[in-house]
Protein backbone atom coordinates (compact mmCIF):
# COMPACT_ATOMS: atom_id res chain seq x y z
CA MET A 1 0.00 0.00 0.00
CA PRO A 2 1.53 3.38 -0.94
CA ARG A 3 2.33 5.84 1.76
CA THR A 4 0.38 9.05 1.78
CA PRO A 5 1.71 12.17 3.49
CA LYS A 6 -0.07 13.48 6.55
CA ALA A 7 -2.08 16.65 6.18
CA PRO A 8 -0.02 19.75 6.97
CA LYS A 9 -0.96 21.92 9.90
CA SER A 10 -1.12 25.02 7.70
CA GLY A 11 -4.41 23.91 6.18
CA LYS A 12 -3.04 23.54 2.65
CA GLU A 13 -3.97 20.25 1.00
CA ILE A 14 -1.15 18.05 -0.32
CA LYS A 15 -1.69 15.93 -3.40
CA PRO A 16 0.95 13.19 -3.21
CA TYR A 17 1.17 12.30 -6.91
CA ILE A 18 0.99 15.72 -8.53
CA ARG A 19 4.24 17.63 -8.72
CA SER A 20 4.42 21.30 -9.35
CA SER A 21 6.96 22.42 -11.90
CA THR A 22 9.60 24.92 -10.87
CA SER A 23 9.66 26.57 -14.29
CA PRO A 24 6.84 26.70 -16.81
CA SER A 25 7.40 24.60 -19.88
CA PRO A 26 6.92 26.64 -23.07
CA GLN A 27 6.02 23.54 -25.07
CA SER A 28 3.17 22.44 -22.84
CA SER A 29 1.54 25.86 -22.49
CA ASP A 30 1.86 27.06 -26.10
CA PRO A 31 -0.70 25.61 -28.50
CA LEU A 32 0.53 24.16 -31.78
CA PRO A 33 0.09 26.28 -34.87
CA GLU A 34 -2.78 25.24 -37.09
CA ASP A 35 -0.50 24.24 -39.96
CA ALA A 36 1.78 22.09 -37.74
CA THR A 37 2.01 18.43 -38.69
CA PRO A 38 2.87 15.65 -36.24
CA PRO A 39 6.33 14.11 -36.58
CA SER A 40 6.51 11.18 -38.96
CA THR A 41 7.13 7.68 -37.64
CA PRO A 42 10.72 6.50 -37.85
CA ALA A 43 11.72 4.06 -40.58
CA LYS A 44 12.47 1.30 -38.06
CA ALA A 45 8.89 1.30 -36.84
CA LYS A 46 7.64 0.70 -40.36
CA GLN A 47 10.05 -2.20 -40.90
CA GLY A 48 8.55 -4.10 -37.98
CA LYS A 49 5.32 -4.75 -39.84
CA ALA A 50 5.06 -8.38 -40.90
CA ARG A 51 3.74 -9.08 -44.35
CA GLY A 52 2.16 -12.34 -45.28
CA TRP A 53 3.53 -14.85 -47.74
CA SER A 54 1.95 -14.82 -51.17
CA ASN A 55 1.10 -18.05 -52.98
CA ASN A 56 3.90 -17.46 -55.48
CA GLU A 57 6.46 -17.01 -52.70
CA LEU A 58 5.38 -20.22 -50.98
CA VAL A 59 5.53 -22.17 -54.25
CA LYS A 60 9.03 -20.83 -54.91
CA LEU A 61 10.09 -21.80 -51.37
CA PHE A 62 8.69 -25.32 -51.69
CA GLU A 63 10.31 -25.81 -55.10
CA THR A 64 13.70 -24.66 -53.79
CA VAL A 65 13.53 -26.98 -50.78
CA ALA A 66 12.38 -29.90 -52.96
CA LYS A 67 15.41 -29.46 -55.25
CA ALA A 68 18.12 -28.70 -52.67
CA GLY A 69 16.80 -30.21 -49.45
CA ALA A 70 16.28 -28.42 -46.15
CA GLY A 71 19.96 -27.78 -45.35
CA LYS A 72 21.41 -24.60 -43.89
CA LYS A 73 22.51 -23.08 -47.20
CA VAL A 74 19.16 -23.51 -48.98
CA TRP A 75 17.52 -20.67 -47.04
CA GLU A 76 19.88 -18.01 -48.42
CA GLY A 77 18.26 -16.60 -51.54
CA ALA A 78 15.44 -19.13 -51.58
CA VAL A 79 12.87 -16.40 -52.17
CA GLU A 80 13.81 -12.97 -53.46
CA GLY A 81 12.91 -10.20 -51.00
CA ARG A 82 12.91 -12.54 -48.00
CA THR A 83 15.64 -13.12 -45.44
CA PRO A 84 17.00 -16.62 -44.78
CA ASN A 85 15.35 -16.56 -41.35
CA GLN A 86 11.97 -15.70 -42.84
CA CYS A 87 12.30 -18.58 -45.30
CA TYR A 88 13.24 -21.01 -42.55
CA GLN A 89 10.38 -19.88 -40.29
CA ALA A 90 7.86 -20.19 -43.12
CA TRP A 91 9.12 -23.70 -43.86
CA MET A 92 8.83 -24.74 -40.21
């Protein structure tokens, strides 16, 4: 259970989780201009999106594994635009 401070004798109420700022922040008090746009998302955030495997990609993967077997080297370049790890995970 969190500790709460005792009420001061001066009669002023203390709010334990609200802190007063020593200097006003110009960013929080100034409204954004109307023509301001929000910052764009970084490129790394966009790369994290998983895309599904198309039928053509799966057929190419299966054909490659059928010809060369499921060894370690087969995953490199099995499907263009896919990493070896993606190929291996799709096969598993």
